[in-house]
Amino acid sequence: MLISLPVRKDFLNFEIPDRNFLGMISSKEYPPIENLPSAIRDAIDSPIGCSPLRKLVKPGQKVVIVATDITRYACEEIILPILLNELNESGIPDKDITIVVATGTHRPNTMEECAKMYGEEVLRRVKVINHSPYDPSSLVYLGETPTSRIPVEVNKFVFEADFRITTGVIEPHLFAGYSGGIKSIAVGVAGVRTISATHNISMLDHPKTRLGVIEDNLFRKFLDEAACFLGVDFIINVVLDDYKRPIRIVAGHPQEAYCEGVNFAKKVYEVEVKEQSEIVIAIPKYPKDRDLYQATRAVNNVLFGPVPLVRKGGIIIIPALCEDGIGHEGYHIWMKSVKTPEEALEKAYREGFEPGEHKAFVLAKALNWAEIVMVGTKVPEFILRELLLEYRPTMEEALKYAFNKLGKDAKVWVIPNALVTIPVVKF
């Protein structure tokens, strides 16, 4: 079986023997929106759960738009100009609008990246700033959430705004169930104390903090409580297909619009499969393949759904360029101190971790179930070894390694867009 999958502007080609190949696991196909600008304007004019935007904002208000960072794509090069024009027509001039990039603990966007993501017109018209979770002078402390007693610390520009809008993409998320909605406020523009308290063992290892699960999700409950401190007035979220084409736009009330978007996203991304396999080829699509931190999220949907897709002791193969490096030095430093997956997991439960280091805990859990082989990655091989990851330069060599280790009859699933496809194993 010759597999040919579009990756960036090229194709990833490799062969799998027919006797081993179980098939492709892809999200369900829906027709892409043909006239996206028109669909965006319609969503803003007829929002879910609230009045149209023009009736919500008032002249003289300071408006903040919280936008995604370089690790996500949310059609903002089309959404933001339309949104700015709508605000202008509602009496809000460009000088009263600020875009804050929801970086969380990720690196800041460069202005060149912002121009590419949002459009050069947007950068000419309004102020664009990166959130900084580590700078106390740019943060405001609002108190603790009532249920989990998590300190809520947020970006000062966002706090001081009179009206807050978030853009984003609704896709599977390991802790929040699905990304989007208020997550960009409660985490994306939160301070390091808040992010630390939400990315710890007690939260991340809780049985109700689950991939694809919204109801009774402990992490989601924090997001809701944190947003109550600040308030989000309007959201615009997209659901994308495997080719990053928008198939649904939701806008309006931060919870009602989000829930409608999630209900649709579940129909797209959650896919029933008939059996587990010994090998899974999980491909993180651009821009998630830019760094190792994001690319290794491909294991999340393979392992942390209702039932792991790969059998215990199996191998997950992840082809990813990772030209931006490892993505966060913290989890690398943390992992360098251990020699085995068992030791990593034991250390995580014993010592915990700082923001960004939670990736080490996720990797430790994954590596205690299956081996991870990176393919074609620009991260030096010795660093991959320090992270307890295997490396092979090509897919052919990775598959040869896997079959030699697991046997010539090992079965293989291929997931062309592993970060948004949730395999639901039905025996």
Protein backbone atom coordinates (compact mmCIF):
# COMPACT_ATOMS: atom_id res chain seq x y z
CA MET A 1 0.00 0.00 0.00
CA LEU A 2 1.51 3.31 -1.11
CA ILE A 3 0.57 6.12 1.26
CA SER A 4 0.79 9.68 -0.06
CA LEU A 5 -0.28 12.43 2.33
CA PRO A 6 -0.13 16.21 1.86
CA VAL A 7 2.28 17.74 4.39
CA ARG A 8 2.78 21.50 4.15
CA LYS A 9 3.39 22.20 0.43
CA ASP A 10 4.69 18.71 -0.33
CA PHE A 11 3.68 15.07 0.07
CA LEU A 12 4.82 12.47 2.57
CA ASN A 13 5.18 9.16 0.69
CA PHE A 14 5.81 5.74 2.20
CA GLU A 15 4.72 2.12 1.83
CA ILE A 16 3.02 -0.27 4.25
CA PRO A 17 2.60 -3.98 3.41
CA ASP A 18 -1.06 -4.79 2.67
CA ARG A 19 -1.18 -7.45 5.39
CA ASN A 20 -0.22 -4.86 8.03
CA PHE A 21 -2.30 -1.89 6.94
CA LEU A 22 -5.58 -1.41 8.83
CA GLY A 23 -6.44 1.86 7.14
CA MET A 24 -6.60 5.64 7.54
CA ILE A 25 -8.40 7.32 10.39
CA SER A 26 -9.61 10.71 9.24
CA SER A 27 -12.16 13.14 10.52
CA LYS A 28 -15.52 13.10 8.76
CA GLU A 29 -15.79 15.16 5.61
CA TYR A 30 -18.01 18.23 5.51
CA PRO A 31 -18.15 20.72 2.66
CA PRO A 32 -15.89 23.74 3.27
CA ILE A 33 -17.55 27.13 3.53
CA GLU A 34 -17.56 28.56 0.01
CA ASN A 35 -17.83 32.26 0.83
CA LEU A 36 -16.00 32.67 4.11
CA PRO A 37 -16.21 36.50 4.38
CA SER A 38 -19.98 36.31 3.90
CA ALA A 39 -20.28 33.48 6.47
CA ILE A 40 -18.26 35.48 9.01
CA ARG A 41 -20.42 38.56 8.53
CA ASP A 42 -23.57 36.44 8.86
CA ALA A 43 -22.26 34.89 12.10
CA ILE A 44 -21.50 38.33 13.55
CA ASP A 45 -24.88 39.71 12.42
CA SER A 46 -26.86 36.69 13.71
CA PRO A 47 -24.88 35.49 16.74
CA ILE A 48 -25.74 32.57 19.02
CA GLY A 49 -27.13 33.47 22.42
CA CYS A 50 -26.73 37.25 22.29
CA SER A 51 -27.49 40.42 20.34
CA PRO A 52 -25.53 41.34 17.19
CA LEU A 53 -22.11 42.84 17.91
CA ARG A 54 -23.14 46.31 16.71
CA LYS A 55 -25.78 46.43 19.46
CA LEU A 56 -23.35 45.32 22.18
CA VAL A 57 -20.48 47.79 21.73
CA LYS A 58 -20.78 51.52 22.42
CA PRO A 59 -18.76 54.45 21.06
CA GLY A 60 -15.98 55.46 23.44
CA GLN A 61 -15.32 51.92 24.65
CA LYS A 62 -11.85 50.40 24.55
CA VAL A 63 -12.03 47.03 22.79
CA VAL A 64 -9.54 44.16 23.09
CA ILE A 65 -9.48 41.25 20.67
CA VAL A 66 -7.65 38.22 22.06
CA ALA A 67 -6.24 36.35 19.04
CA THR A 68 -4.42 33.03 18.66
CA ASP A 69 -0.64 32.67 18.50
CA ILE A 70 1.57 31.03 15.86
CA THR A 71 0.79 27.48 17.09
CA ARG A 72 -2.82 27.69 15.88
CA TYR A 73 -4.64 28.66 12.71
CA ALA A 74 -8.07 30.26 13.05
CA CYS A 75 -8.67 32.08 9.71
CA GLU A 76 -7.86 35.37 11.43
CA GLU A 77 -6.43 36.94 8.28
CA ILE A 78 -10.06 37.00 7.10
CA ILE A 79 -11.92 37.31 10.41
CA LEU A 80 -9.98 40.24 11.88
CA PRO A 81 -10.38 42.79 9.03
CA ILE A 82 -14.13 42.06 8.95
CA LEU A 83 -14.30 42.38 12.72
CA LEU A 84 -12.41 45.69 12.68
CA ASN A 85 -14.76 47.07 10.02
CA GLU A 86 -17.79 45.96 12.02
CA LEU A 87 -16.42 47.71 15.12
CA ASN A 88 -15.68 50.85 13.07
CA GLU A 89 -19.25 50.91 11.76
CA SER A 90 -20.45 50.55 15.36
CA GLY A 91 -18.58 53.68 16.43
CA ILE A 92 -15.31 52.12 17.63
CA PRO A 93 -12.31 53.60 15.75
CA ASP A 94 -9.12 51.62 15.17
CA LYS A 95 -7.26 53.68 17.81
CA ASP A 96 -9.57 52.23 20.48
CA ILE A 97 -8.91 48.61 19.47
CA THR A 98 -5.98 46.45 20.64
CA ILE A 99 -5.16 42.88 19.63
CA VAL A 100 -3.50 40.82 22.36
CA VAL A 101 -1.82 37.60 21.20
CA ALA A 102 -2.80 34.72 23.50
CA THR A 103 0.62 33.13 23.90
CA GLY A 104 0.09 31.39 27.24
CA THR A 105 3.64 30.30 28.06
CA HIS A 106 4.59 29.91 24.38
CA ARG A 107 7.17 32.20 22.83
CA PRO A 108 5.98 35.60 21.56
CA ASN A 109 4.93 35.97 17.94
CA THR A 110 7.25 38.04 15.78
CA MET A 111 5.58 40.94 14.00
CA GLU A 112 6.33 39.18 10.71
CA GLU A 113 4.38 36.17 11.98
CA CYS A 114 1.55 38.43 13.11
CA ALA A 115 1.42 40.02 9.65
CA LYS A 116 1.19 36.57 8.07
CA MET A 117 -1.45 35.33 10.54
CA TYR A 118 -3.64 38.43 10.78
CA GLY A 119 -2.82 40.28 7.55
CA GLU A 120 -0.63 43.34 7.06
CA GLU A 121 -3.70 45.58 6.94
CA VAL A 122 -4.56 44.65 10.52
CA LEU A 123 -1.07 45.51 11.76
CA ARG A 124 -1.24 48.89 10.04
CA ARG A 125 -4.62 49.69 11.56
CA VAL A 126 -4.45 48.60 15.21
CA LYS A 127 -1.97 47.97 18.00
CA VAL A 128 -0.87 44.32 18.32
CA ILE A 129 0.92 43.13 21.47
CA ASN A 130 2.12 39.77 22.72
CA HIS A 131 0.91 38.61 26.11
CA SER A 132 3.72 38.07 28.65
CA PRO A 133 2.84 35.65 31.48
CA TYR A 134 6.13 36.26 33.31
CA ASP A 135 6.04 40.08 33.56
CA PRO A 136 4.29 41.12 36.82
CA SER A 137 3.94 44.71 35.61
CA SER A 138 1.73 43.56 32.72
CA LEU A 139 -0.58 41.43 34.90
CA VAL A 140 -3.50 42.01 37.27
CA TYR A 141 -4.44 39.67 40.13
CA LEU A 142 -8.20 39.14 40.46
CA GLY A 143 -8.55 36.56 43.25
CA GLU A 144 -9.06 32.79 43.51
CA THR A 145 -11.60 30.55 41.80
CA PRO A 146 -14.21 29.30 44.29
CA THR A 147 -13.98 25.58 43.53
CA SER A 148 -10.29 24.82 42.97
CA ARG A 149 -8.80 27.92 44.68
CA ILE A 150 -6.68 28.75 41.64
CA PRO A 151 -5.22 32.28 41.56
CA VAL A 152 -6.53 34.25 38.59
CA GLU A 153 -3.92 36.56 37.12
CA VAL A 154 -4.54 38.10 33.70
CA ASN A 155 -3.10 40.50 31.15
CA LYS A 156 -3.55 44.15 32.16
CA PHE A 157 -4.60 45.33 28.68
CA VAL A 158 -7.31 42.69 28.59
CA PHE A 159 -8.46 43.52 32.12
CA GLU A 160 -8.68 47.26 31.43
CA ALA A 161 -10.71 46.88 28.24
CA ASP A 162 -14.39 47.79 28.24
CA PHE A 163 -15.30 45.06 25.74
CA ARG A 164 -13.52 41.74 25.11
CA ILE A 165 -13.70 39.59 22.00
CA THR A 166 -11.87 36.30 21.46
CA THR A 167 -11.11 34.48 18.23
CA GLY A 168 -10.02 30.85 18.11
CA VAL A 169 -10.36 27.36 16.75
CA ILE A 170 -12.47 24.57 18.23
CA GLU A 171 -10.50 21.33 18.11
CA PRO A 172 -9.75 18.43 20.49
CA HIS A 173 -7.70 19.41 23.54
CA LEU A 174 -6.14 17.01 26.05
CA PHE A 175 -7.25 18.90 29.17
CA ALA A 176 -10.04 21.28 28.12
CA GLY A 177 -11.87 18.62 26.09
CA TYR A 178 -12.04 21.00 23.15
CA SER A 179 -10.11 24.24 22.66
CA GLY A 180 -11.74 27.55 21.86
CA GLY A 181 -14.28 29.65 23.69
CA ILE A 182 -12.95 31.27 26.85
CA LYS A 183 -9.75 29.24 27.00
CA SER A 184 -7.81 32.00 25.23
CA ILE A 185 -8.70 34.34 28.13
CA ALA A 186 -8.39 32.00 31.11
CA VAL A 187 -5.08 30.47 29.92
CA GLY A 188 -3.93 32.30 26.78
CA VAL A 189 -3.59 35.68 28.52
CA ALA A 190 -3.13 34.38 32.07
CA GLY A 191 -0.13 34.87 34.33
CA VAL A 192 2.35 32.17 35.13
CA ARG A 193 0.82 31.58 38.58
CA THR A 194 -2.53 30.76 37.01
CA ILE A 195 -1.05 28.53 34.33
CA SER A 196 1.07 26.73 36.95
CA ALA A 197 -1.96 26.01 39.09
CA THR A 198 -3.97 24.63 36.16
CA HIS A 199 -1.21 22.50 34.66
CA ASN A 200 -0.38 20.37 37.69
CA ILE A 201 -0.75 16.72 38.64
CA SER A 202 -4.02 17.05 40.55
CA MET A 203 -5.68 18.82 37.60
CA LEU A 204 -4.12 16.98 34.67
CA ASP A 205 -4.37 13.49 36.16
CA HIS A 206 -7.98 13.90 37.25
CA PRO A 207 -10.30 11.32 35.60
CA LYS A 208 -12.65 14.11 34.49
CA THR A 209 -9.91 16.14 32.81
CA ARG A 210 -10.21 14.32 29.53
CA LEU A 211 -9.67 14.66 25.81
CA GLY A 212 -12.95 15.39 24.03
CA VAL A 213 -14.94 15.65 27.29
CA ILE A 214 -16.69 18.92 28.15
CA GLU A 215 -19.30 17.83 30.70
CA ASP A 216 -18.02 17.79 34.32
CA ASN A 217 -14.48 18.43 33.06
CA LEU A 218 -12.46 19.82 35.99
CA PHE A 219 -10.19 21.89 33.75
CA ARG A 220 -13.21 23.26 31.92
CA LYS A 221 -14.80 24.22 35.24
CA PHE A 222 -11.72 26.29 36.05
CA LEU A 223 -11.99 28.03 32.67
CA ASP A 224 -15.61 28.94 33.36
CA GLU A 225 -14.85 30.23 36.86
CA ALA A 226 -11.81 32.21 35.72
CA ALA A 227 -13.77 33.85 32.92
CA CYS A 228 -16.37 35.01 35.46
CA PHE A 229 -13.70 37.21 37.08
CA LEU A 230 -13.07 39.05 33.85
CA GLY A 231 -15.88 38.45 31.41
CA VAL A 232 -15.79 37.72 27.70
CA ASP A 233 -18.37 39.62 25.68
CA PHE A 234 -18.23 37.97 22.26
CA ILE A 235 -16.43 35.07 20.58
CA ILE A 236 -15.76 34.09 16.97
CA ASN A 237 -14.57 30.49 16.63
CA VAL A 238 -13.98 28.25 13.62
CA VAL A 239 -14.08 24.50 13.08
CA LEU A 240 -11.63 23.34 10.40
CA ASP A 241 -11.34 20.26 8.24
CA ASP A 242 -8.16 18.22 7.66
CA TYR A 243 -6.96 20.77 5.11
CA LYS A 244 -7.42 23.78 7.44
CA ARG A 245 -10.51 24.84 5.54
CA PRO A 246 -13.32 26.28 7.68
CA ILE A 247 -16.44 24.13 7.78
CA ARG A 248 -18.31 25.98 10.53
CA ILE A 249 -18.24 29.47 12.04
CA VAL A 250 -19.82 30.18 15.43
CA ALA A 251 -20.07 33.62 16.97
CA GLY A 252 -21.80 35.23 19.91
CA HIS A 253 -22.19 34.33 23.59
CA PRO A 254 -18.92 32.84 24.92
CA GLN A 255 -20.58 29.69 26.27
CA GLU A 256 -23.63 29.16 24.07
CA ALA A 257 -21.77 29.74 20.80
CA TYR A 258 -18.88 27.60 22.01
CA CYS A 259 -21.15 24.69 22.99
CA GLU A 260 -22.83 24.75 19.58
CA GLY A 261 -19.38 24.71 17.97
CA VAL A 262 -18.27 21.77 20.13
CA ASN A 263 -21.39 19.75 19.30
CA PHE A 264 -20.57 20.15 15.62
CA ALA A 265 -16.83 19.47 16.17
CA LYS A 266 -17.60 16.18 17.90
CA LYS A 267 -19.42 14.96 14.80
CA VAL A 268 -16.36 15.86 12.72
CA TYR A 269 -13.42 14.72 14.82
CA GLU A 270 -14.57 11.68 16.83
CA VAL A 271 -14.26 8.59 14.62
CA GLU A 272 -15.18 5.00 15.52
CA VAL A 273 -12.59 2.31 14.66
CA LYS A 274 -12.81 -1.45 14.94
CA GLU A 275 -9.58 -2.42 16.69
CA GLN A 276 -6.27 -1.37 18.20
CA SER A 277 -2.93 -1.71 16.41
CA GLU A 278 0.70 -2.26 17.36
CA ILE A 279 1.89 0.73 15.28
CA VAL A 280 0.26 4.12 14.76
CA ILE A 281 1.60 6.74 12.34
CA ALA A 282 0.33 10.04 13.75
CA ILE A 283 0.92 13.17 11.66
CA PRO A 284 0.75 16.64 13.25
CA LYS A 285 -0.23 19.10 10.54
CA TYR A 286 1.29 22.55 10.14
CA PRO A 287 1.64 24.73 12.21
CA LYS A 288 1.70 22.15 15.00
CA ASP A 289 4.76 20.50 13.45
CA ARG A 290 6.87 23.66 13.91
CA ASP A 291 8.25 22.56 17.29
CA LEU A 292 8.55 19.37 19.29
CA TYR A 293 6.36 20.61 22.14
CA GLN A 294 3.39 20.92 19.78
CA ALA A 295 4.23 18.03 17.44
CA THR A 296 4.32 15.43 20.23
CA ARG A 297 0.74 16.36 21.03
CA ALA A 298 0.02 13.81 18.28
CA VAL A 299 0.30 11.12 20.97
CA ASN A 300 -2.58 12.65 22.95
CA ASN A 301 -5.37 11.55 20.62
CA VAL A 302 -3.70 8.19 20.05
CA LEU A 303 -3.45 7.34 23.75
CA PHE A 304 -5.77 9.46 25.85
CA GLY A 305 -9.12 8.94 24.15
CA PRO A 306 -11.70 6.51 25.60
CA VAL A 307 -9.40 3.54 24.72
CA PRO A 308 -5.77 3.82 23.52
CA LEU A 309 -5.57 3.22 19.76
CA VAL A 310 -2.10 1.67 20.05
CA ARG A 311 -1.64 -1.49 22.11
CA LYS A 312 0.53 -1.32 25.22
CA GLY A 313 4.16 -1.77 24.22
CA GLY A 314 3.48 -0.52 20.71
CA ILE A 315 5.10 2.27 18.70
CA ILE A 316 3.85 5.72 17.67
CA ILE A 317 5.65 7.23 14.66
CA ILE A 318 5.50 11.03 14.34
CA PRO A 319 6.92 12.70 11.20
CA ALA A 320 7.52 16.39 12.03
CA LEU A 321 10.11 18.92 10.91
CA CYS A 322 10.21 20.95 14.17
CA GLU A 323 12.25 23.77 12.64
CA ASP A 324 11.57 25.92 15.73
CA GLY A 325 13.28 23.39 18.01
CA ILE A 326 11.85 21.81 21.15
CA GLY A 327 9.42 24.66 21.85
CA HIS A 328 9.97 24.95 25.62
CA GLU A 329 13.25 24.35 27.40
CA GLY A 330 11.55 23.64 30.74
CA TYR A 331 10.27 20.16 29.94
CA HIS A 332 13.60 19.30 28.27
CA ILE A 333 15.56 20.20 31.41
CA TRP A 334 13.05 18.23 33.49
CA MET A 335 13.35 15.11 31.31
CA LYS A 336 17.17 15.24 31.20
CA SER A 337 17.23 14.25 34.87
CA VAL A 338 15.61 10.83 34.26
CA LYS A 339 16.73 7.79 32.30
CA THR A 340 13.54 5.76 31.81
CA PRO A 341 9.81 6.41 31.32
CA GLU A 342 9.14 4.71 34.66
CA GLU A 343 11.54 7.04 36.44
CA ALA A 344 9.97 10.05 34.69
CA LEU A 345 6.47 9.16 35.83
CA GLU A 346 7.62 8.47 39.39
CA LYS A 347 9.39 11.85 39.51
CA ALA A 348 6.30 13.64 38.18
CA TYR A 349 4.10 12.25 40.93
CA ARG A 350 6.77 12.93 43.54
CA GLU A 351 7.96 16.42 42.58
CA GLY A 352 5.40 17.93 40.20
CA PHE A 353 6.46 20.52 37.63
CA GLU A 354 6.48 24.18 36.61
CA PRO A 355 4.59 25.74 33.64
CA GLY A 356 5.65 24.18 30.35
CA GLU A 357 7.10 21.21 32.23
CA HIS A 358 3.66 19.54 32.28
CA LYS A 359 4.64 18.28 28.83
CA ALA A 360 7.12 16.03 30.65
CA PHE A 361 4.26 14.47 32.62
CA VAL A 362 2.23 13.86 29.45
CA LEU A 363 5.29 12.35 27.73
CA ALA A 364 6.02 10.20 30.78
CA LYS A 365 2.48 8.79 30.75
CA ALA A 366 2.67 8.20 27.00
CA LEU A 367 6.11 6.56 27.10
CA ASN A 368 4.96 4.19 29.83
CA TRP A 369 2.44 2.89 27.31
CA ALA A 370 4.21 3.08 23.95
CA GLU A 371 7.49 4.05 22.30
CA ILE A 372 7.62 7.31 20.31
CA VAL A 373 9.72 7.58 17.14
CA MET A 374 10.29 11.04 15.61
CA VAL A 375 10.95 11.15 11.86
CA GLY A 376 12.82 13.81 9.86
CA THR A 377 13.03 16.11 12.87
CA LYS A 378 15.54 18.98 12.95
CA VAL A 379 15.93 18.74 16.72
CA PRO A 380 19.38 17.17 17.34
CA GLU A 381 19.19 13.46 17.98
CA PHE A 382 20.98 13.68 21.33
CA ILE A 383 18.24 16.01 22.60
CA LEU A 384 15.56 13.59 21.43
CA ARG A 385 17.34 10.85 23.37
CA GLU A 386 17.37 13.07 26.48
CA LEU A 387 13.60 13.31 26.04
CA LEU A 388 13.45 9.48 25.80
CA LEU A 389 12.35 9.68 22.16
CA GLU A 390 13.66 7.55 19.31
CA TYR A 391 14.69 9.08 15.98
CA ARG A 392 14.82 7.85 12.39
CA PRO A 393 15.56 10.10 9.41
CA THR A 394 12.91 8.60 7.09
CA MET A 395 9.55 6.85 7.30
CA GLU A 396 11.06 3.76 5.66
CA GLU A 397 13.63 3.45 8.43
CA ALA A 398 11.05 4.14 11.14
CA LEU A 399 8.74 1.41 9.83
CA LYS A 400 11.63 -1.03 9.45
CA TYR A 401 12.59 -0.34 13.09
CA ALA A 402 8.99 -0.85 14.24
CA PHE A 403 8.47 -4.11 12.35
CA ASN A 404 11.82 -5.48 13.54
CA LYS A 405 10.83 -4.74 17.12
CA LEU A 406 7.15 -5.74 17.05
CA GLY A 407 7.16 -8.47 14.42
CA LYS A 408 6.35 -8.72 10.73
CA ASP A 409 2.62 -9.10 11.43
CA ALA A 410 2.26 -5.88 13.44
CA LYS A 411 -0.84 -3.93 12.37
CA VAL A 412 -0.68 -0.24 11.40
CA TRP A 413 -3.17 2.62 11.61
CA VAL A 414 -2.39 5.94 9.89
CA ILE A 415 -3.87 9.24 11.17
CA PRO A 416 -3.26 12.02 8.62
CA ASN A 417 -4.29 14.79 11.05
CA ALA A 418 -3.55 13.36 14.46
CA LEU A 419 -4.07 16.46 16.56
CA VAL A 420 -7.73 16.81 15.71
CA THR A 421 -8.83 13.20 15.09
CA ILE A 422 -10.08 11.25 18.12
CA PRO A 423 -10.18 7.51 17.37
CA VAL A 424 -12.95 5.87 19.41
CA VAL A 425 -12.16 2.15 19.59
CA LYS A 426 -15.30 0.00 19.52
CA PHE A 427 -14.47 -3.67 20.08
